[in-house]
Protein backbone atom coordinates (compact mmCIF):
# COMPACT_ATOMS: atom_id res chain seq x y z
CA MET A 1 10.50 0.06 -10.84
CA LYS A 2 11.95 2.01 -7.91
CA VAL A 3 10.79 3.15 -4.49
CA GLY A 4 9.31 6.63 -4.94
CA GLN A 5 8.55 6.18 -8.64
CA VAL A 6 5.31 7.75 -9.86
CA VAL A 7 3.43 5.18 -11.95
CA GLU A 8 -0.01 4.66 -13.41
CA CYS A 9 -2.05 2.15 -11.42
CA ASP A 10 -5.19 0.56 -12.81
CA PHE A 11 -7.43 -0.05 -9.79
CA GLY A 12 -10.16 -1.30 -12.15
CA LEU A 13 -11.55 -4.69 -13.08
CA TYR A 14 -9.55 -7.87 -13.27
CA LYS A 15 -8.14 -8.87 -16.63
CA PRO A 16 -10.54 -10.68 -18.93
CA ASP A 17 -10.28 -14.47 -19.03
CA LYS A 18 -9.43 -16.38 -22.22
CA HIS A 19 -13.03 -15.86 -23.42
CA GLY A 20 -12.85 -12.06 -22.92
CA LYS A 21 -15.20 -12.07 -19.93
CA HIS A 22 -14.48 -9.80 -16.94
CA HIS A 23 -15.26 -11.32 -13.58
CA ALA A 24 -16.51 -9.32 -10.60
CA ASP A 25 -13.49 -8.09 -8.69
CA GLY A 26 -15.12 -7.55 -5.32
CA HIS A 27 -14.56 -3.78 -5.05
CA ILE A 28 -16.89 -2.14 -2.56
CA PRO A 29 -17.17 1.66 -2.12
CA PRO A 30 -15.07 3.58 -1.11
CA GLU A 31 -12.49 1.36 -2.85
CA MET A 32 -11.13 2.74 -6.11
CA ILE A 33 -12.00 1.24 -9.48
CA LYS A 34 -10.21 3.62 -11.83
CA LYS A 35 -6.79 4.39 -13.24
CA ARG A 36 -4.79 6.92 -11.28
CA LEU A 37 -1.25 7.94 -10.52
CA ALA A 38 0.41 6.27 -7.55
CA VAL A 39 3.75 6.25 -5.73
CA LEU A 40 5.63 3.00 -5.12
CA LEU A 41 6.56 2.70 -1.43
CA ASN A 42 8.61 -0.48 -1.36
CA VAL A 43 10.75 -2.80 -3.35
CA LYS A 44 8.87 -5.58 -5.10
CA LEU A 45 7.22 -8.02 -2.68
CA GLY A 46 6.54 -11.24 -4.52
CA THR A 47 4.34 -10.19 -7.43
CA GLY A 48 3.33 -6.72 -6.26
CA PHE A 49 4.05 -3.39 -4.64
CA VAL A 50 2.61 -1.21 -1.89
CA VAL A 51 1.34 2.00 -3.51
CA VAL A 52 -0.21 5.25 -2.36
CA PRO A 53 -2.52 6.81 -4.95
CA LEU A 54 -2.22 10.46 -5.97
CA SER A 55 -5.18 12.79 -6.36
CA SER A 56 -5.61 16.34 -7.60
CA THR A 57 -8.33 16.88 -4.99
CA GLN A 58 -7.15 18.57 -1.83
CA ASP A 59 -8.66 17.65 1.54
CA VAL A 60 -7.35 20.25 4.01
CA ASN A 61 -8.62 18.31 7.04
CA LYS A 62 -6.74 15.13 6.07
CA GLU A 63 -3.69 17.15 5.11
CA GLN A 64 -3.64 18.79 8.57
CA ARG A 65 -4.05 15.38 10.24
CA GLY A 66 -0.96 14.14 8.39
CA TYR A 67 -2.78 11.71 6.06
CA HIS A 68 -2.10 13.58 2.79
CA VAL A 69 1.24 14.78 1.43
CA LYS A 70 1.43 17.49 -1.23
CA ILE A 71 3.28 16.58 -4.45
CA ASP A 72 4.73 19.33 -6.62
CA PRO A 73 3.45 19.53 -10.25
CA ALA A 74 7.03 19.05 -11.51
CA PHE A 75 6.77 15.34 -10.67
CA VAL A 76 3.89 14.70 -13.10
CA PRO A 77 4.77 15.11 -16.77
CA GLN A 78 2.30 16.31 -19.37
CA THR A 79 0.73 13.30 -21.05
CA ALA A 80 -2.40 12.67 -23.07
CA PHE A 81 -4.20 11.89 -19.80
CA TRP A 82 -2.25 13.56 -16.95
CA THR A 83 -1.51 17.26 -16.57
CA PRO A 84 1.02 18.80 -14.20
CA CYS A 85 -0.84 20.22 -11.19
CA ASP A 86 -0.71 20.06 -7.41
CA ARG A 87 -1.45 16.54 -6.25
CA TRP A 88 -1.70 14.83 -2.90
CA ALA A 89 -0.49 11.39 -1.89
CA LYS A 90 -3.48 9.92 -0.03
CA ALA A 91 -1.95 7.62 2.58
CA GLU A 92 -5.31 6.31 3.86
CA LEU A 93 -5.79 4.70 0.42
CA MET A 94 -2.49 2.77 0.57
CA GLN A 95 -2.84 -0.63 -1.08
CA TYR A 96 -0.84 -3.70 -2.08
CA VAL A 97 -1.37 -4.28 -5.81
CA SER A 98 -0.23 -6.73 -8.45
CA LEU A 99 2.59 -5.74 -10.76
CA ASP A 100 0.04 -6.31 -13.58
CA ARG A 101 -1.82 -3.17 -12.41
CA LEU A 102 1.25 -0.89 -12.67
CA PHE A 103 2.48 0.95 -15.76
CA THR A 104 5.31 3.38 -16.42
CA MET A 105 3.93 6.74 -17.58
CA ARG A 106 4.28 7.73 -21.22
CA ASP A 107 4.55 11.27 -22.56
CA ASN A 108 2.52 12.65 -25.47
CA ASN A 109 4.97 11.01 -27.92
CA ARG A 110 4.41 7.60 -26.24
CA ASN A 111 7.95 7.61 -24.79
CA TYR A 112 8.36 6.16 -21.31
CA VAL A 113 8.81 8.80 -18.62
CA LYS A 114 10.16 7.84 -15.20
CA ARG A 115 9.59 10.25 -12.35
CA VAL A 116 11.04 9.34 -8.96
CA LEU A 117 10.19 11.48 -5.96
CA PRO A 118 13.02 12.78 -3.76
CA ARG A 119 13.85 10.55 -0.79
CA ASP A 120 12.64 13.11 1.79
CA LEU A 121 9.24 13.34 0.07
CA VAL A 122 8.94 9.53 -0.03
CA ALA A 123 9.78 9.50 3.69
CA ASP A 124 6.97 12.04 4.30
CA ILE A 125 4.53 9.72 2.49
CA GLN A 126 5.76 6.71 4.48
CA ARG A 127 5.29 8.69 7.73
CA ALA A 128 1.75 9.56 6.60
CA VAL A 129 1.04 5.83 6.12
CA MET A 130 2.35 5.17 9.64
CA THR A 131 0.06 7.93 10.94
CA VAL A 132 -2.95 6.42 9.16
CA ILE A 133 -2.35 2.96 10.62
CA GLY A 134 -1.85 4.36 14.13
CA GLY A 135 1.91 3.88 14.22
CA ALA A 136 3.01 7.52 14.45
CA ALA A 137 4.26 6.98 18.01
CA LEU A 138 6.75 4.45 16.64
CA LEU A 139 8.37 7.21 14.60
CA ARG A 140 9.31 9.32 17.64
CA PRO A 141 12.72 8.73 19.20
CA ILE A 142 12.57 6.80 22.45
CA GLU A 143 13.63 8.98 25.36
CA PRO A 144 15.90 7.26 27.87
CA PRO A 145 14.43 7.08 31.36
CA VAL A 146 15.44 9.93 33.62
CA GLN A 147 17.77 8.70 36.35
CA PRO A 148 17.59 10.43 39.73
CA PRO A 149 20.87 12.08 40.76
CA ILE A 150 23.13 9.92 42.90
CA PRO A 151 23.59 11.55 46.30
CA ALA A 152 27.15 12.43 47.24
CA ASP A 153 28.81 10.19 49.82
CA PRO A 154 29.48 12.44 52.84
CA GLY A 155 32.34 10.14 53.94
CA ASN A 156 34.35 11.05 50.82
CA ALA A 157 33.93 14.81 51.08
CA GLU A 158 37.16 16.79 50.98
CA ILE A 159 38.00 18.89 54.02
CA ALA A 160 38.77 22.44 53.16
């Protein structure tokens, strides 16, 4: 799996134990408990990845505040479950998830389909995450302090 790859992420229940019983997973609203598309934002960390889920629901207010990034329909292939349409990466829902929750998409013929977002779009999503966590100021270049001009030394002035 690669940074920027669009994958399926199952935010649902934990896997069943050896007796087939699902245990409560501790999700509390507004946390997600469904399968949805997500973008990988980092290389593998231990046994998981940081992901930002994708949604087909636009929230203009959050988009204007820099929390949502629009994803072109070309990055979501037609599958039995997913259809190409405008989607938004929802940075405020960023989450670290187990590799066991992530799946490569499959097309209608059950062939694996890898979609990786362009680097500039991934950077936009990463900036949105920084905005959500209050780190947007860290993204601005640091301006060097303005130095007052050094006054000329009248003793070294040339005589005309």
